[in-house]
N, C-alpha and C. Protein backbone atom coordinates (compact mmCIF):
# COMPACT_ATOMS: atom_id res chain seq x y z
N MET A 1 0.83 -1.19 0.00
CA MET A 1 0.00 0.00 0.00
C MET A 1 0.87 1.26 0.00
N LYS A 2 1.95 1.23 0.79
CA LYS A 2 2.84 2.39 0.86
C LYS A 2 3.51 2.64 -0.50
N THR A 3 3.89 1.55 -1.16
CA THR A 3 4.50 1.66 -2.48
C THR A 3 3.53 2.25 -3.49
N LEU A 4 2.28 1.87 -3.39
CA LEU A 4 1.25 2.40 -4.28
C LEU A 4 1.06 3.89 -4.08
N LEU A 5 1.04 4.34 -2.83
CA LEU A 5 0.90 5.77 -2.53
C LEU A 5 2.10 6.57 -3.04
N ILE A 6 3.28 6.04 -2.87
CA ILE A 6 4.48 6.73 -3.35
C ILE A 6 4.45 6.82 -4.88
N SER A 7 4.06 5.74 -5.53
CA SER A 7 3.96 5.74 -7.00
C SER A 7 2.94 6.76 -7.47
N PHE A 8 1.81 6.83 -6.81
CA PHE A 8 0.77 7.79 -7.16
C PHE A 8 1.26 9.22 -6.97
N ALA A 9 1.96 9.47 -5.87
CA ALA A 9 2.50 10.81 -5.60
C ALA A 9 3.51 11.20 -6.67
N LEU A 10 4.37 10.28 -7.07
CA LEU A 10 5.34 10.57 -8.12
C LEU A 10 4.67 10.86 -9.45
N LEU A 11 3.62 10.12 -9.75
CA LEU A 11 2.87 10.34 -10.97
C LEU A 11 2.25 11.74 -10.99
N LEU A 12 1.66 12.15 -9.88
CA LEU A 12 1.07 13.48 -9.79
C LEU A 12 2.14 14.56 -9.93
N PHE A 13 3.27 14.36 -9.29
CA PHE A 13 4.36 15.34 -9.34
C PHE A 13 4.89 15.50 -10.76
N THR A 14 5.16 14.41 -11.44
CA THR A 14 5.71 14.49 -12.79
C THR A 14 4.70 15.05 -13.78
N SER A 15 3.42 14.77 -13.59
CA SER A 15 2.42 15.33 -14.51
C SER A 15 2.24 16.82 -14.27
N SER A 16 2.46 17.28 -13.04
CA SER A 16 2.34 18.72 -12.77
C SER A 16 3.52 19.47 -13.35
N LEU A 17 4.66 18.83 -13.56
CA LEU A 17 5.81 19.48 -14.17
C LEU A 17 5.51 19.91 -15.60
N ASN A 18 4.70 19.15 -16.30
CA ASN A 18 4.34 19.51 -17.67
C ASN A 18 3.54 20.79 -17.72
N VAL A 19 2.76 21.08 -16.70
CA VAL A 19 1.96 22.30 -16.66
C VAL A 19 2.84 23.51 -16.45
N VAL A 20 3.94 23.34 -15.71
CA VAL A 20 4.82 24.45 -15.37
C VAL A 20 5.66 24.89 -16.56
N GLN A 21 5.93 23.99 -17.47
CA GLN A 21 6.77 24.32 -18.62
C GLN A 21 6.15 25.45 -19.43
N GLU A 22 7.01 26.31 -19.96
CA GLU A 22 6.56 27.44 -20.75
C GLU A 22 6.08 26.96 -22.11
N SER A 23 4.95 27.43 -22.51
CA SER A 23 4.39 27.02 -23.79
C SER A 23 4.97 27.89 -24.90
N ASN A 24 5.38 27.27 -25.99
CA ASN A 24 5.89 28.03 -27.12
C ASN A 24 4.76 28.63 -27.94
N ASP A 25 3.50 28.35 -27.55
CA ASP A 25 2.36 28.98 -28.20
C ASP A 25 2.03 30.31 -27.55
N THR A 26 2.78 30.70 -26.54
CA THR A 26 2.60 31.99 -25.88
C THR A 26 3.00 33.09 -26.86
N TYR A 27 2.22 34.16 -26.88
CA TYR A 27 2.54 35.28 -27.76
C TYR A 27 3.25 36.37 -26.99
N VAL A 28 4.23 36.98 -27.63
CA VAL A 28 5.00 38.08 -27.07
C VAL A 28 5.09 39.18 -28.13
N TYR A 29 5.64 40.30 -27.73
CA TYR A 29 5.75 41.45 -28.64
C TYR A 29 7.21 41.81 -28.82
N ILE A 30 7.58 42.11 -30.06
CA ILE A 30 8.95 42.52 -30.36
C ILE A 30 8.91 43.79 -31.19
N CYS A 31 9.96 44.57 -31.06
CA CYS A 31 10.18 45.71 -31.93
C CYS A 31 11.00 45.21 -33.10
N THR A 32 10.61 45.55 -34.30
CA THR A 32 11.32 45.06 -35.48
C THR A 32 12.50 45.96 -35.87
N GLY A 33 12.84 46.89 -35.01
CA GLY A 33 13.97 47.78 -35.27
C GLY A 33 15.30 47.05 -35.34
N LYS A 34 16.26 47.68 -35.98
CA LYS A 34 17.57 47.09 -36.24
C LYS A 34 18.30 46.70 -34.95
N TYR A 35 18.18 47.49 -33.90
CA TYR A 35 18.94 47.26 -32.68
C TYR A 35 18.11 46.67 -31.54
N ALA A 36 16.88 46.27 -31.81
CA ALA A 36 16.02 45.69 -30.77
C ALA A 36 16.53 44.31 -30.38
N TYR A 37 16.45 43.98 -29.09
CA TYR A 37 17.00 42.70 -28.64
C TYR A 37 16.11 41.96 -27.63
N SER A 38 14.96 42.52 -27.27
CA SER A 38 14.12 41.91 -26.24
C SER A 38 12.76 41.51 -26.79
N TYR A 39 12.10 40.63 -26.05
CA TYR A 39 10.69 40.37 -26.28
C TYR A 39 9.93 40.79 -25.03
N HIS A 40 8.67 41.15 -25.20
CA HIS A 40 7.87 41.77 -24.15
C HIS A 40 6.57 41.03 -23.94
N SER A 41 6.09 41.03 -22.70
CA SER A 41 4.86 40.29 -22.37
C SER A 41 3.61 41.04 -22.83
N THR A 42 3.67 42.36 -22.89
CA THR A 42 2.52 43.14 -23.34
C THR A 42 2.97 44.20 -24.36
N LYS A 43 2.04 44.63 -25.16
CA LYS A 43 2.32 45.67 -26.15
C LYS A 43 2.53 47.02 -25.48
N ASN A 44 2.04 47.14 -24.24
CA ASN A 44 2.13 48.41 -23.51
C ASN A 44 3.36 48.52 -22.62
N CYS A 45 4.28 47.58 -22.71
CA CYS A 45 5.49 47.62 -21.89
C CYS A 45 6.28 48.90 -22.19
N SER A 46 6.79 49.54 -21.14
CA SER A 46 7.55 50.78 -21.35
C SER A 46 8.86 50.52 -22.09
N GLY A 47 9.29 49.27 -22.13
CA GLY A 47 10.49 48.93 -22.90
C GLY A 47 10.29 49.08 -24.40
N LEU A 48 9.05 49.17 -24.84
CA LEU A 48 8.75 49.36 -26.26
C LEU A 48 8.52 50.83 -26.63
N ASN A 49 8.61 51.73 -25.66
CA ASN A 49 8.34 53.15 -25.92
C ASN A 49 9.27 53.76 -26.96
N ASN A 50 10.51 53.31 -27.01
CA ASN A 50 11.48 53.89 -27.94
C ASN A 50 11.53 53.16 -29.28
N CYS A 51 10.62 52.25 -29.51
CA CYS A 51 10.61 51.52 -30.77
C CYS A 51 10.17 52.46 -31.89
N SER A 52 11.07 52.66 -32.85
CA SER A 52 10.74 53.54 -33.98
C SER A 52 10.26 52.73 -35.19
N ALA A 53 10.31 51.42 -35.06
CA ALA A 53 9.84 50.54 -36.13
C ALA A 53 8.50 49.94 -35.72
N GLU A 54 8.12 48.88 -36.39
CA GLU A 54 6.84 48.21 -36.11
C GLU A 54 6.95 47.33 -34.87
N ILE A 55 5.88 47.30 -34.07
CA ILE A 55 5.78 46.38 -32.95
C ILE A 55 4.97 45.19 -33.45
N LYS A 56 5.56 44.00 -33.36
CA LYS A 56 4.96 42.82 -33.96
C LYS A 56 4.66 41.78 -32.90
N LYS A 57 3.50 41.11 -33.02
CA LYS A 57 3.12 40.02 -32.15
C LYS A 57 3.61 38.72 -32.76
N VAL A 58 4.44 37.98 -32.02
CA VAL A 58 5.01 36.71 -32.50
C VAL A 58 4.92 35.67 -31.39
N THR A 59 5.14 34.42 -31.74
CA THR A 59 5.17 33.39 -30.71
C THR A 59 6.49 33.48 -29.95
N LEU A 60 6.48 32.96 -28.75
CA LEU A 60 7.68 32.97 -27.93
C LEU A 60 8.81 32.23 -28.62
N SER A 61 8.50 31.12 -29.27
CA SER A 61 9.55 30.36 -29.95
C SER A 61 10.14 31.16 -31.11
N GLN A 62 9.32 31.94 -31.82
CA GLN A 62 9.84 32.77 -32.91
C GLN A 62 10.77 33.85 -32.37
N ALA A 63 10.38 34.45 -31.24
CA ALA A 63 11.21 35.49 -30.63
C ALA A 63 12.56 34.92 -30.22
N LYS A 64 12.55 33.72 -29.63
CA LYS A 64 13.80 33.10 -29.20
C LYS A 64 14.66 32.71 -30.40
N GLU A 65 14.02 32.27 -31.49
CA GLU A 65 14.77 31.93 -32.71
C GLU A 65 15.49 33.15 -33.27
N LYS A 66 14.91 34.33 -33.06
CA LYS A 66 15.53 35.57 -33.53
C LYS A 66 16.60 36.07 -32.56
N GLY A 67 16.83 35.30 -31.49
CA GLY A 67 17.86 35.68 -30.52
C GLY A 67 17.41 36.68 -29.48
N ARG A 68 16.11 36.88 -29.37
CA ARG A 68 15.59 37.86 -28.41
C ARG A 68 15.62 37.29 -26.99
N LYS A 69 15.84 38.17 -26.04
CA LYS A 69 15.88 37.82 -24.62
C LYS A 69 14.69 38.50 -23.93
N PRO A 70 14.27 38.00 -22.76
CA PRO A 70 13.13 38.62 -22.06
C PRO A 70 13.46 40.05 -21.62
N CYS A 71 12.50 40.91 -21.73
CA CYS A 71 12.63 42.29 -21.28
C CYS A 71 12.81 42.32 -19.77
N GLN A 72 13.73 43.13 -19.28
CA GLN A 72 13.98 43.22 -17.84
C GLN A 72 12.89 44.00 -17.12
N LYS A 73 12.08 44.73 -17.84
CA LYS A 73 11.00 45.50 -17.21
C LYS A 73 9.73 44.69 -17.01
N CYS A 74 9.40 43.86 -17.97
CA CYS A 74 8.12 43.15 -17.88
C CYS A 74 8.27 41.67 -17.57
N TYR A 75 9.48 41.17 -17.44
CA TYR A 75 9.69 39.77 -17.06
C TYR A 75 10.53 39.70 -15.81
């Protein structure tokens, strides 16, 4: 019985880890300017105030593929 409870607890723990993982279907915002280097959680982030180019909504995986890092203000 004790072994069964431990197995069940491990199963619950490992399945909850999948929920914690960041989804690559998450959308973020990037500035398409030449020197932009971050991605942002919202379009209204103050880190995008100086963007002189287009602000584009992309998936998190696309932003990472472009070498973008999380904004220090909104993440």
